[in-house]
Amino acid sequence: MTHSFCITIDKEAGSYLKLMYGEVNYIVIDDVKKLPNRITEIYRRLTT
């Protein structure tokens, strides 16, 4: 079974992504430049 995971920079996304992806299957990053530093956290969430 595969699950979707969403990474977005949309600050308003929290209001609708919970409905689409559940509580833990998405992450909102406020600045796309921070993405490389968040990759480890995102990977950990996907593999646990």
PDB file of N, CA and C in Angstrom:
ATOM      1  N   MET A   1       0.842  -1.178   0.000  1.00  0.00           N
ATOM      2  CA  MET A   1       0.000   0.000   0.000  1.00  0.00           C
ATOM      3  C   MET A   1       0.890   1.245   0.000  1.00  0.00           C
ATOM      4  N   THR A   2       0.588   2.182  -0.835  1.00  0.00           N
ATOM      5  CA  THR A   2       1.317   3.441  -0.870  1.00  0.00           C
ATOM      6  C   THR A   2       0.477   4.552  -0.255  1.00  0.00           C
ATOM      7  N   HIS A   3       1.170   5.502   0.319  1.00  0.00           N
ATOM      8  CA  HIS A   3       0.519   6.658   0.935  1.00  0.00           C
ATOM      9  C   HIS A   3       1.108   7.917   0.324  1.00  0.00           C
ATOM     10  N   SER A   4       0.284   8.895   0.172  1.00  0.00           N
ATOM     11  CA  SER A   4       0.750  10.188  -0.329  1.00  0.00           C
ATOM     12  C   SER A   4       1.277  11.038   0.818  1.00  0.00           C
ATOM     13  N   PHE A   5       2.220  11.899   0.500  1.00  0.00           N
ATOM     14  CA  PHE A   5       2.756  12.852   1.463  1.00  0.00           C
ATOM     15  C   PHE A   5       2.917  14.168   0.723  1.00  0.00           C
ATOM     16  N   CYS A   6       2.514  15.244   1.343  1.00  0.00           N
ATOM     17  CA  CYS A   6       2.539  16.555   0.705  1.00  0.00           C
ATOM     18  C   CYS A   6       3.548  17.469   1.390  1.00  0.00           C
ATOM     19  N   ILE A   7       4.352  18.145   0.596  1.00  0.00           N
ATOM     20  CA  ILE A   7       5.252  19.189   1.061  1.00  0.00           C
ATOM     21  C   ILE A   7       4.798  20.472   0.376  1.00  0.00           C
ATOM     22  N   THR A   8       4.506  21.504   1.146  1.00  0.00           N
ATOM     23  CA  THR A   8       4.015  22.746   0.554  1.00  0.00           C
ATOM     24  C   THR A   8       4.624  23.968   1.240  1.00  0.00           C
ATOM     25  N   ILE A   9       4.586  25.069   0.538  1.00  0.00           N
ATOM     26  CA  ILE A   9       4.992  26.343   1.124  1.00  0.00           C
ATOM     27  C   ILE A   9       3.782  27.249   1.329  1.00  0.00           C
ATOM     28  N   ASP A  10       2.595  26.725   1.070  1.00  0.00           N
ATOM     29  CA  ASP A  10       1.345  27.475   1.249  1.00  0.00           C
ATOM     30  C   ASP A  10       1.028  27.588   2.738  1.00  0.00           C
ATOM     31  N   LYS A  11       1.153  28.761   3.296  1.00  0.00           N
ATOM     32  CA  LYS A  11       0.937  28.969   4.729  1.00  0.00           C
ATOM     33  C   LYS A  11      -0.502  28.724   5.148  1.00  0.00           C
ATOM     34  N   GLU A  12      -1.430  28.765   4.227  1.00  0.00           N
ATOM     35  CA  GLU A  12      -2.838  28.510   4.521  1.00  0.00           C
ATOM     36  C   GLU A  12      -3.200  27.036   4.364  1.00  0.00           C
ATOM     37  N   ALA A  13      -2.270  26.227   3.971  1.00  0.00           N
ATOM     38  CA  ALA A  13      -2.550  24.829   3.628  1.00  0.00           C
ATOM     39  C   ALA A  13      -2.999  23.984   4.810  1.00  0.00           C
ATOM     40  N   GLY A  14      -2.587  24.340   6.000  1.00  0.00           N
ATOM     41  CA  GLY A  14      -2.967  23.550   7.166  1.00  0.00           C
ATOM     42  C   GLY A  14      -4.462  23.392   7.319  1.00  0.00           C
ATOM     43  N   SER A  15      -5.210  24.362   6.855  1.00  0.00           N
ATOM     44  CA  SER A  15      -6.664  24.309   6.999  1.00  0.00           C
ATOM     45  C   SER A  15      -7.311  23.257   6.107  1.00  0.00           C
ATOM     46  N   TYR A  16      -6.712  22.941   4.984  1.00  0.00           N
ATOM     47  CA  TYR A  16      -7.320  21.946   4.095  1.00  0.00           C
ATOM     48  C   TYR A  16      -6.508  20.667   3.938  1.00  0.00           C
ATOM     49  N   LEU A  17      -5.212  20.716   4.186  1.00  0.00           N
ATOM     50  CA  LEU A  17      -4.406  19.505   4.017  1.00  0.00           C
ATOM     51  C   LEU A  17      -4.719  18.444   5.060  1.00  0.00           C
ATOM     52  N   LYS A  18      -5.155  18.832   6.256  1.00  0.00           N
ATOM     53  CA  LYS A  18      -5.549  17.838   7.258  1.00  0.00           C
ATOM     54  C   LYS A  18      -6.682  16.979   6.724  1.00  0.00           C
ATOM     55  N   LEU A  19      -7.583  17.580   5.986  1.00  0.00           N
ATOM     56  CA  LEU A  19      -8.700  16.828   5.403  1.00  0.00           C
ATOM     57  C   LEU A  19      -8.231  15.920   4.278  1.00  0.00           C
ATOM     58  N   MET A  20      -7.243  16.360   3.530  1.00  0.00           N
ATOM     59  CA  MET A  20      -6.768  15.594   2.378  1.00  0.00           C
ATOM     60  C   MET A  20      -5.741  14.525   2.743  1.00  0.00           C
ATOM     61  N   TYR A  21      -4.850  14.845   3.698  1.00  0.00           N
ATOM     62  CA  TYR A  21      -3.726  13.956   4.000  1.00  0.00           C
ATOM     63  C   TYR A  21      -3.705  13.428   5.425  1.00  0.00           C
ATOM     64  N   GLY A  22      -4.635  13.836   6.260  1.00  0.00           N
ATOM     65  CA  GLY A  22      -4.606  13.433   7.657  1.00  0.00           C
ATOM     66  C   GLY A  22      -3.685  14.341   8.451  1.00  0.00           C
ATOM     67  N   GLU A  23      -3.530  14.021   9.717  1.00  0.00           N
ATOM     68  CA  GLU A  23      -2.750  14.873  10.625  1.00  0.00           C
ATOM     69  C   GLU A  23      -1.244  14.852  10.357  1.00  0.00           C
ATOM     70  N   VAL A  24      -0.719  13.766   9.833  1.00  0.00           N
ATOM     71  CA  VAL A  24       0.741  13.618   9.767  1.00  0.00           C
ATOM     72  C   VAL A  24       1.314  13.438   8.374  1.00  0.00           C
ATOM     73  N   ASN A  25       0.502  13.449   7.342  1.00  0.00           N
ATOM     74  CA  ASN A  25       0.996  13.166   5.999  1.00  0.00           C
ATOM     75  C   ASN A  25       1.263  14.402   5.165  1.00  0.00           C
ATOM     76  N   TYR A  26       1.576  15.478   5.827  1.00  0.00           N
ATOM     77  CA  TYR A  26       1.952  16.689   5.113  1.00  0.00           C
ATOM     78  C   TYR A  26       2.845  17.538   6.003  1.00  0.00           C
ATOM     79  N   ILE A  27       3.555  18.450   5.376  1.00  0.00           N
ATOM     80  CA  ILE A  27       4.385  19.403   6.111  1.00  0.00           C
ATOM     81  C   ILE A  27       4.317  20.737   5.380  1.00  0.00           C
ATOM     82  N   VAL A  28       4.219  21.794   6.159  1.00  0.00           N
ATOM     83  CA  VAL A  28       4.216  23.149   5.604  1.00  0.00           C
ATOM     84  C   VAL A  28       5.566  23.767   5.942  1.00  0.00           C
ATOM     85  N   ILE A  29       6.264  24.184   4.911  1.00  0.00           N
ATOM     86  CA  ILE A  29       7.562  24.839   5.079  1.00  0.00           C
ATOM     87  C   ILE A  29       7.381  26.298   4.682  1.00  0.00           C
ATOM     88  N   ASP A  30       7.688  27.195   5.601  1.00  0.00           N
ATOM     89  CA  ASP A  30       7.410  28.615   5.358  1.00  0.00           C
ATOM     90  C   ASP A  30       8.373  29.276   4.382  1.00  0.00           C
ATOM     91  N   ASP A  31       9.472  28.613   4.088  1.00  0.00           N
ATOM     92  CA  ASP A  31      10.458  29.168   3.148  1.00  0.00           C
ATOM     93  C   ASP A  31      11.097  28.008   2.394  1.00  0.00           C
ATOM     94  N   VAL A  32      10.953  27.989   1.103  1.00  0.00           N
ATOM     95  CA  VAL A  32      11.458  26.870   0.296  1.00  0.00           C
ATOM     96  C   VAL A  32      12.971  26.680   0.481  1.00  0.00           C
ATOM     97  N   LYS A  33      13.672  27.716   0.867  1.00  0.00           N
ATOM     98  CA  LYS A  33      15.122  27.588   1.102  1.00  0.00           C
ATOM     99  C   LYS A  33      15.422  26.692   2.300  1.00  0.00           C
ATOM    100  N   LYS A  34      14.436  26.463   3.164  1.00  0.00           N
ATOM    101  CA  LYS A  34      14.622  25.600   4.333  1.00  0.00           C
ATOM    102  C   LYS A  34      14.447  24.123   4.001  1.00  0.00           C
ATOM    103  N   LEU A  35      13.943  23.827   2.819  1.00  0.00           N
ATOM    104  CA  LEU A  35      13.675  22.438   2.449  1.00  0.00           C
ATOM    105  C   LEU A  35      14.889  21.520   2.599  1.00  0.00           C
ATOM    106  N   PRO A  36      16.058  21.883   2.116  1.00  0.00           N
ATOM    107  CA  PRO A  36      17.198  20.967   2.282  1.00  0.00           C
ATOM    108  C   PRO A  36      17.477  20.613   3.748  1.00  0.00           C
ATOM    109  N   ASN A  37      17.261  21.533   4.651  1.00  0.00           N
ATOM    110  CA  ASN A  37      17.496  21.269   6.071  1.00  0.00           C
ATOM    111  C   ASN A  37      16.394  20.425   6.697  1.00  0.00           C
ATOM    112  N   ARG A  38      15.237  20.360   6.070  1.00  0.00           N
ATOM    113  CA  ARG A  38      14.097  19.615   6.618  1.00  0.00           C
ATOM    114  C   ARG A  38      13.984  18.209   6.038  1.00  0.00           C
ATOM    115  N   ILE A  39      14.799  17.886   5.054  1.00  0.00           N
ATOM    116  CA  ILE A  39      14.707  16.584   4.383  1.00  0.00           C
ATOM    117  C   ILE A  39      14.839  15.427   5.372  1.00  0.00           C
ATOM    118  N   THR A  40      15.751  15.503   6.316  1.00  0.00           N
ATOM    119  CA  THR A  40      15.925  14.426   7.290  1.00  0.00           C
ATOM    120  C   THR A  40      14.658  14.218   8.099  1.00  0.00           C
ATOM    121  N   GLU A  41      14.053  15.291   8.561  1.00  0.00           N
ATOM    122  CA  GLU A  41      12.799  15.195   9.313  1.00  0.00           C
ATOM    123  C   GLU A  41      11.685  14.577   8.471  1.00  0.00           C
ATOM    124  N   ILE A  42      11.593  15.018   7.230  1.00  0.00           N
ATOM    125  CA  ILE A  42      10.561  14.506   6.327  1.00  0.00           C
ATOM    126  C   ILE A  42      10.788  13.016   6.082  1.00  0.00           C
ATOM    127  N   TYR A  43      12.006  12.619   5.831  1.00  0.00           N
ATOM    128  CA  TYR A  43      12.312  11.208   5.608  1.00  0.00           C
ATOM    129  C   TYR A  43      11.943  10.379   6.834  1.00  0.00           C
ATOM    130  N   ARG A  44      12.257  10.862   8.018  1.00  0.00           N
ATOM    131  CA  ARG A  44      11.941  10.168   9.256  1.00  0.00           C
ATOM    132  C   ARG A  44      10.426   9.968   9.385  1.00  0.00           C
ATOM    133  N   ARG A  45       9.671  10.975   9.054  1.00  0.00           N
ATOM    134  CA  ARG A  45       8.206  10.871   9.131  1.00  0.00           C
ATOM    135  C   ARG A  45       7.667   9.841   8.149  1.00  0.00           C
ATOM    136  N   LEU A  46       8.314   9.744   7.006  1.00  0.00           N
ATOM    137  CA  LEU A  46       7.847   8.804   5.985  1.00  0.00           C
ATOM    138  C   LEU A  46       8.203   7.352   6.298  1.00  0.00           C
ATOM    139  N   THR A  47       9.232   7.145   7.080  1.00  0.00           N
ATOM    140  CA  THR A  47       9.721   5.782   7.285  1.00  0.00           C
ATOM    141  C   THR A  47       9.402   5.220   8.667  1.00  0.00           C
ATOM    142  N   THR A  48       8.707   5.960   9.505  1.00  0.00           N
ATOM    143  CA  THR A  48       8.360   5.421  10.828  1.00  0.00           C
ATOM    144  C   THR A  48       6.888   5.157  10.939  1.00  0.00           C
TER     145      THR A  48
END
